[in-house]
């Protein structure tokens, strides 16, 4: 086997990773170049890492268990860290993978030919259009959250479900609302809480589903919409509207209701549940009370209703323009979640 002269460090790890020195010792004393994907190729897809960055004299260092097995399946070298095995270059038998060995352009062509699920096309249109309405700072915040979630779980396949606790309150300044997110896991990995949270101030509050729509838009921008999602509402009226839209996504009257119905229709197994007690209720209520009393940069002042109207208009064509969605987003990619 040829000596390793370059290590490709996956985006879920960084230059300060504690795995770099153990790997260097493991590979011996020869000169080794470290290529950090997050710096040199930010947003590159997994398939491109395998096909463009790795060869017989390189190795991958990752926390993504699925990507690790895919690399080994292509006779490439890969090292992954797991609590069970430590740093290893062996295949992880409990992690299933499917590698179609298709170049990216072939997969894209198949999608254009109608092989891609309609909900996936819709999701890509929504995320792309929403990204086009965000500032560069907001987009970077979403990228940071996605990297954090990926680093925690190692792979999307380890995510079991998503739970979002949603709250809103009318104040003299307008509607203050937002969500806290918990992500549950497979394979014995601990869940992540809070995986994300986001809060807004809407001065022209006129719709009871503003916080629900806001939370769902963030769910899509974090690319978690393909996992079963449970929406825990502190507001009973918003919960009733949410349940009605899950049953009939096209029944919304206002722009916010129509957008919420569209998001629910494209999400995986959405459920609306009341949240009246417990630590998630207490934590979300406390955060909402804090935000209504004090000024903080956590509270994003936005015209959410105008944003939703613009987003609805831009995705009115059948499931949007997929090319525009992908370009705007700027990056390549079962069970009920219960607060505990």
Protein backbone atom coordinates (compact mmCIF):
# COMPACT_ATOMS: atom_id res chain seq x y z
CA UNK A 1 0.00 0.00 0.00
CA UNK A 2 1.37 3.42 -0.96
CA UNK A 3 2.40 5.83 1.78
CA UNK A 4 -0.06 8.62 2.58
CA UNK A 5 1.26 12.07 1.66
CA UNK A 6 -1.97 14.07 1.98
CA UNK A 7 -4.91 14.00 4.39
CA UNK A 8 -8.22 15.52 3.33
CA UNK A 9 -9.91 16.83 6.48
CA UNK A 10 -13.70 16.82 6.13
CA UNK A 11 -15.75 19.98 6.71
CA UNK A 12 -17.20 18.58 9.93
CA UNK A 13 -13.70 18.83 11.42
CA UNK A 14 -11.43 21.86 11.56
CA UNK A 15 -7.82 22.94 11.88
CA UNK A 16 -8.06 22.76 15.66
CA UNK A 17 -9.37 19.18 15.69
CA UNK A 18 -7.81 16.95 18.34
CA UNK A 19 -7.75 14.09 15.80
CA UNK A 20 -4.99 15.61 13.65
CA UNK A 21 -2.04 14.75 15.89
CA UNK A 22 -3.12 11.13 16.64
CA UNK A 23 -3.57 10.58 12.89
CA UNK A 24 -0.17 12.08 12.13
CA UNK A 25 1.43 9.67 14.61
CA UNK A 26 -0.54 6.79 13.13
CA UNK A 27 0.66 7.53 9.59
CA UNK A 28 4.34 7.73 10.55
CA UNK A 29 7.07 10.31 10.27
CA UNK A 30 6.87 11.12 6.55
CA UNK A 31 5.81 14.57 5.27
CA UNK A 32 2.05 14.95 5.24
CA UNK A 33 -0.03 17.76 3.73
CA UNK A 34 -3.36 18.53 5.39
CA UNK A 35 -6.09 19.83 3.09
CA UNK A 36 -8.97 21.36 5.03
CA UNK A 37 -12.19 21.12 3.03
CA UNK A 38 -13.86 23.94 4.97
CA UNK A 39 -11.07 26.30 3.87
CA UNK A 40 -10.11 25.08 0.39
CA UNK A 41 -13.43 23.71 -0.89
CA UNK A 42 -16.31 25.01 1.30
CA UNK A 43 -19.66 23.45 0.45
CA UNK A 44 -18.24 20.68 -1.74
CA UNK A 45 -20.48 17.62 -1.91
CA UNK A 46 -19.48 14.21 -0.53
CA UNK A 47 -19.42 12.65 -3.99
CA UNK A 48 -16.98 15.35 -5.18
CA UNK A 49 -14.72 14.74 -2.19
CA UNK A 50 -14.51 11.07 -3.18
CA UNK A 51 -14.02 11.72 -6.89
CA UNK A 52 -11.88 14.88 -6.95
CA UNK A 53 -9.87 15.12 -3.73
CA UNK A 54 -8.91 11.53 -2.89
CA UNK A 55 -6.47 9.19 -4.61
CA UNK A 56 -4.08 6.33 -3.84
CA UNK A 57 -1.69 8.60 -1.91
CA UNK A 58 -4.29 10.43 0.14
CA UNK A 59 -6.62 9.64 3.02
CA UNK A 60 -9.83 11.12 4.35
CA UNK A 61 -10.30 12.18 7.99
CA UNK A 62 -13.95 12.57 8.92
CA UNK A 63 -16.65 12.12 11.55
CA UNK A 64 -19.21 11.21 8.88
CA UNK A 65 -19.66 7.46 9.25
CA UNK A 66 -21.51 7.03 5.97
CA UNK A 67 -18.89 8.99 4.01
CA UNK A 68 -16.15 6.90 5.67
CA UNK A 69 -17.75 3.66 4.51
CA UNK A 70 -18.32 5.05 1.02
CA UNK A 71 -14.63 5.93 0.74
CA UNK A 72 -13.58 2.45 1.84
CA UNK A 73 -16.07 0.97 -0.64
CA UNK A 74 -14.14 2.75 -3.42
CA UNK A 75 -10.82 1.32 -2.15
CA UNK A 76 -9.77 4.71 -0.77
CA UNK A 77 -8.16 5.26 2.63
CA UNK A 78 -10.33 6.85 5.30
CA UNK A 79 -10.11 7.40 9.05
CA UNK A 80 -13.10 8.06 11.26
CA UNK A 81 -13.49 8.60 14.99
CA UNK A 82 -16.29 6.94 16.93
CA UNK A 83 -16.67 6.60 20.70
CA UNK A 84 -16.87 2.82 20.23
CA UNK A 85 -13.75 2.28 18.12
CA UNK A 86 -11.67 5.41 18.54
CA UNK A 87 -9.73 6.53 15.46
CA UNK A 88 -9.98 3.70 12.92
CA UNK A 89 -9.57 2.97 9.22
CA UNK A 90 -11.84 -0.08 9.38
CA UNK A 91 -15.31 -0.30 7.87
CA UNK A 92 -18.16 0.37 10.30
CA UNK A 93 -20.42 -2.65 9.87
CA UNK A 94 -23.46 -1.10 11.57
CA UNK A 95 -23.61 1.85 9.12
CA UNK A 96 -25.36 1.10 5.84
CA UNK A 97 -24.37 2.91 2.63
CA UNK A 98 -25.57 3.09 -0.95
CA UNK A 99 -23.08 4.28 -3.55
CA UNK A 100 -24.45 4.45 -7.08
CA UNK A 101 -21.07 5.64 -8.43
CA UNK A 102 -22.89 8.32 -10.42
CA UNK A 103 -21.15 11.60 -11.30
CA UNK A 104 -22.94 14.69 -10.07
CA UNK A 105 -23.96 15.74 -13.59
CA UNK A 106 -25.64 12.36 -14.19
CA UNK A 107 -27.58 12.57 -10.94
CA UNK A 108 -28.71 16.09 -11.82
CA UNK A 109 -29.86 14.94 -15.23
CA UNK A 110 -31.89 12.16 -13.66
CA UNK A 111 -33.55 14.68 -11.39
CA UNK A 112 -34.47 16.84 -14.37
CA UNK A 113 -36.00 13.82 -16.03
CA UNK A 114 -38.50 13.52 -13.20
CA UNK A 115 -36.88 10.78 -11.09
CA UNK A 116 -36.49 13.09 -8.10
CA UNK A 117 -39.40 13.14 -5.60
CA UNK A 118 -41.67 16.11 -6.01
CA UNK A 119 -41.22 17.08 -2.35
CA UNK A 120 -37.42 17.24 -2.86
CA UNK A 121 -37.81 19.60 -5.82
CA UNK A 122 -40.19 21.72 -3.78
CA UNK A 123 -37.79 21.77 -0.82
CA UNK A 124 -34.90 22.90 -3.02
CA UNK A 125 -37.00 25.69 -4.52
CA UNK A 126 -38.09 26.88 -1.07
CA UNK A 127 -34.60 26.88 0.45
CA UNK A 128 -33.11 28.62 -2.56
CA UNK A 129 -35.74 31.36 -2.68
CA UNK A 130 -35.58 31.90 1.08
CA UNK A 131 -31.78 32.12 0.92
CA UNK A 132 -32.13 34.85 -1.70
CA UNK A 133 -34.01 36.98 0.85
CA UNK A 134 -31.35 36.64 3.58
CA UNK A 135 -28.24 38.69 4.26
CA UNK A 136 -24.77 37.19 3.88
CA UNK A 137 -24.43 37.20 7.67
CA UNK A 138 -27.67 35.24 8.06
CA UNK A 139 -26.57 32.74 5.41
CA UNK A 140 -23.27 32.24 7.22
CA UNK A 141 -25.17 31.61 10.46
CA UNK A 142 -27.18 28.86 8.75
CA UNK A 143 -23.99 27.33 7.30
CA UNK A 144 -22.42 27.32 10.76
CA UNK A 145 -25.46 25.60 12.26
CA UNK A 146 -25.50 22.99 9.49
CA UNK A 147 -21.82 22.23 10.07
CA UNK A 148 -22.42 21.94 13.83
CA UNK A 149 -25.31 19.52 13.36
CA UNK A 150 -23.38 17.45 10.82
CA UNK A 151 -20.32 17.32 13.11
CA UNK A 152 -22.47 16.10 16.01
CA UNK A 153 -24.27 13.34 14.13
CA UNK A 154 -21.58 12.44 11.62
CA UNK A 155 -24.19 11.66 8.97
CA UNK A 156 -27.76 12.53 8.07
CA UNK A 157 -28.50 8.82 8.37
CA UNK A 158 -27.90 9.03 12.13
CA UNK A 159 -30.72 11.59 12.56
CA UNK A 160 -34.01 10.01 13.62
CA UNK A 161 -36.36 12.99 13.94
CA UNK A 162 -36.69 16.68 14.70
CA UNK A 163 -38.77 18.41 17.38
CA UNK A 164 -39.43 22.16 17.36
CA UNK A 165 -40.99 24.02 20.29
CA UNK A 166 -42.73 27.10 18.88
CA UNK A 167 -43.97 30.18 20.74
CA UNK A 168 -45.11 33.70 20.01
CA UNK A 169 -46.49 36.64 21.96
CA UNK A 170 -48.09 39.91 20.94
CA UNK A 171 -46.45 42.96 22.51
CA UNK A 172 -46.67 46.73 22.16
CA UNK A 173 -43.81 46.52 19.65
CA UNK A 174 -45.44 43.78 17.58
CA UNK A 175 -45.30 40.00 17.46
CA UNK A 176 -42.30 38.36 19.14
CA UNK A 177 -41.88 34.69 18.31
CA UNK A 178 -39.56 31.88 17.43
CA UNK A 179 -38.58 28.30 18.13
CA UNK A 180 -36.12 25.97 19.84
CA UNK A 181 -35.07 22.78 18.05
CA UNK A 182 -34.10 19.35 19.31
CA UNK A 183 -32.72 16.66 16.99
CA UNK A 184 -32.96 12.98 17.97
CA UNK A 185 -30.48 10.34 16.80
CA UNK A 186 -30.04 6.70 15.80
CA UNK A 187 -27.10 4.40 16.59
CA UNK A 188 -26.72 5.36 20.24
CA UNK A 189 -25.61 8.93 19.55
CA UNK A 190 -26.96 11.53 21.94
CA UNK A 191 -29.57 13.94 20.63
CA UNK A 192 -28.70 17.59 20.17
CA UNK A 193 -30.46 20.39 22.07
CA UNK A 194 -30.62 23.14 21.23
CA UNK A 195 -29.66 22.20 17.69
CA UNK A 196 -30.91 25.61 16.59
CA UNK A 197 -33.14 28.45 17.71
CA UNK A 198 -34.36 31.61 16.04
CA UNK A 199 -36.43 34.59 17.21
CA UNK A 200 -38.06 37.46 15.35
CA UNK A 201 -39.92 40.72 15.89
CA UNK A 202 -42.72 41.38 13.38
CA UNK A 203 -44.07 44.90 13.87
CA UNK A 204 -47.02 44.41 11.52
CA UNK A 205 -48.33 41.30 13.28
CA UNK A 206 -51.58 40.11 11.75
CA UNK A 207 -51.28 36.34 11.47
CA UNK A 208 -51.27 33.70 14.18
CA UNK A 209 -49.01 31.34 12.20
CA UNK A 210 -46.01 33.67 11.90
CA UNK A 211 -43.87 31.72 14.38
CA UNK A 212 -44.83 28.37 12.82
CA UNK A 213 -43.92 29.59 9.34
CA UNK A 214 -40.66 31.07 10.66
CA UNK A 215 -39.70 27.79 12.34
CA UNK A 216 -40.46 25.73 9.22
CA UNK A 217 -38.44 28.05 6.98
CA UNK A 218 -35.47 27.50 9.30
CA UNK A 219 -36.09 23.73 9.25
CA UNK A 220 -35.71 23.78 5.46
CA UNK A 221 -32.71 26.08 5.47
CA UNK A 222 -30.99 23.69 7.88
CA UNK A 223 -31.84 20.85 5.44
CA UNK A 224 -33.65 18.81 8.07
CA UNK A 225 -37.05 18.69 6.35
CA UNK A 226 -36.54 15.08 5.19
CA UNK A 227 -36.69 13.82 8.78
CA UNK A 228 -39.99 13.39 10.65
CA UNK A 229 -40.78 16.66 12.40
CA UNK A 230 -43.02 17.32 15.40
CA UNK A 231 -44.13 20.90 16.06
CA UNK A 232 -44.86 21.58 19.74
CA UNK A 233 -46.95 24.74 20.09
CA UNK A 234 -47.36 26.89 23.17
CA UNK A 235 -50.11 28.84 21.38
CA UNK A 236 -53.34 26.83 21.15
CA UNK A 237 -54.81 28.83 18.27
CA UNK A 238 -51.64 28.43 16.20
CA UNK A 239 -51.66 24.70 16.93
CA UNK A 240 -55.23 24.37 15.65
CA UNK A 241 -54.33 26.19 12.43
CA UNK A 242 -51.23 24.02 12.01
CA UNK A 243 -53.17 20.78 12.41
CA UNK A 244 -55.76 21.98 9.89
CA UNK A 245 -53.03 22.78 7.34
CA UNK A 246 -51.36 19.40 7.85
CA UNK A 247 -54.69 17.80 6.96
CA UNK A 248 -55.35 20.19 4.04
CA UNK A 249 -52.17 22.05 3.00
CA UNK A 250 -53.98 24.10 0.37
CA UNK A 251 -56.67 25.44 2.70
CA UNK A 252 -54.78 28.54 3.88
CA UNK A 253 -56.38 31.94 3.37
CA UNK A 254 -53.52 34.38 4.06
CA UNK A 255 -50.06 34.37 2.48
CA UNK A 256 -48.55 33.12 5.74
CA UNK A 257 -51.08 30.28 5.95
CA UNK A 258 -50.51 29.29 2.32
CA UNK A 259 -46.74 29.30 2.80
CA UNK A 260 -47.06 27.30 6.01
CA UNK A 261 -49.25 24.77 4.22
CA UNK A 262 -46.68 24.47 1.43
CA UNK A 263 -43.86 23.95 3.92
CA UNK A 264 -45.84 21.32 5.83
CA UNK A 265 -46.66 19.49 2.59
CA UNK A 266 -42.97 19.31 1.65
CA UNK A 267 -41.79 18.26 5.13
CA UNK A 268 -41.58 14.63 6.26
CA UNK A 269 -44.39 13.36 8.49
CA UNK A 270 -45.21 16.69 10.19
CA UNK A 271 -47.26 16.58 13.40
CA UNK A 272 -48.71 19.37 15.50
CA UNK A 273 -48.76 18.78 19.26
CA UNK A 274 -49.68 20.97 22.23
CA UNK A 275 -46.92 21.89 24.66
CA UNK A 276 -48.21 22.86 28.11
CA UNK A 277 -45.55 21.71 30.58
CA UNK A 278 -42.06 20.27 30.92
CA UNK A 279 -38.54 21.59 30.49
CA UNK A 280 -39.03 22.55 26.84
CA UNK A 281 -42.14 24.54 27.74
CA UNK A 282 -40.33 26.23 30.65
CA UNK A 283 -37.22 27.06 28.65
CA UNK A 284 -39.10 28.41 25.64
CA UNK A 285 -41.47 30.45 27.82
CA UNK A 286 -38.56 31.92 29.76
CA UNK A 287 -36.74 32.85 26.57
CA UNK A 288 -39.85 34.47 25.11
CA UNK A 289 -40.40 36.50 28.30
CA UNK A 290 -36.78 37.64 28.23
CA UNK A 291 -37.00 38.74 24.61
CA UNK A 292 -40.19 40.74 25.19
CA UNK A 293 -38.60 42.68 28.06
CA UNK A 294 -35.06 43.37 26.87
CA UNK A 295 -33.41 44.44 23.62
CA UNK A 296 -31.06 41.80 22.24
CA UNK A 297 -29.42 40.97 18.94
CA UNK A 298 -31.04 37.52 19.14
CA UNK A 299 -34.30 39.17 18.12
CA UNK A 300 -34.35 39.66 14.34
CA UNK A 301 -36.51 42.61 13.32
CA UNK A 302 -38.16 41.63 10.06
CA UNK A 303 -41.21 42.15 7.90
CA UNK A 304 -41.93 38.43 7.86
CA UNK A 305 -45.29 38.83 6.16
CA UNK A 306 -43.70 40.71 3.24
CA UNK A 307 -40.93 38.10 3.09
CA UNK A 308 -43.49 35.30 2.95
CA UNK A 309 -45.44 37.10 0.20
CA UNK A 310 -42.24 37.46 -1.86
CA UNK A 311 -41.32 33.85 -1.23
CA UNK A 312 -44.81 32.66 -2.24
CA UNK A 313 -44.64 34.65 -5.48
CA UNK A 314 -41.19 33.28 -6.34
CA UNK A 315 -42.29 29.65 -5.89
CA UNK A 316 -45.70 29.91 -7.55
CA UNK A 317 -44.56 28.03 -10.67
CA UNK A 318 -44.71 24.24 -10.34
CA UNK A 319 -42.28 23.64 -7.48
CA UNK A 320 -40.15 26.64 -8.38
CA UNK A 321 -37.05 26.99 -10.47
CA UNK A 322 -34.64 24.32 -9.22
CA UNK A 323 -31.60 25.87 -10.89
CA UNK A 324 -32.26 29.25 -9.31
CA UNK A 325 -32.85 27.59 -5.95
CA UNK A 326 -29.55 25.75 -6.00
CA UNK A 327 -27.63 28.83 -7.08
CA UNK A 328 -29.20 31.04 -4.41
CA UNK A 329 -28.48 28.55 -1.67
CA UNK A 330 -24.79 28.55 -2.49
CA UNK A 331 -23.94 24.99 -1.39
CA UNK A 332 -24.12 21.43 -2.91
CA UNK A 333 -25.81 18.42 0.63
CA UNK A 334 -38.66 7.96 11.70
CA UNK A 335 -39.74 8.18 14.51
CA UNK A 336 -41.63 10.82 16.46
CA UNK A 337 -39.30 13.21 18.24
CA UNK A 338 -40.41 13.93 21.77
CA UNK A 339 -38.93 16.55 24.13
CA UNK A 340 -37.22 14.81 27.02
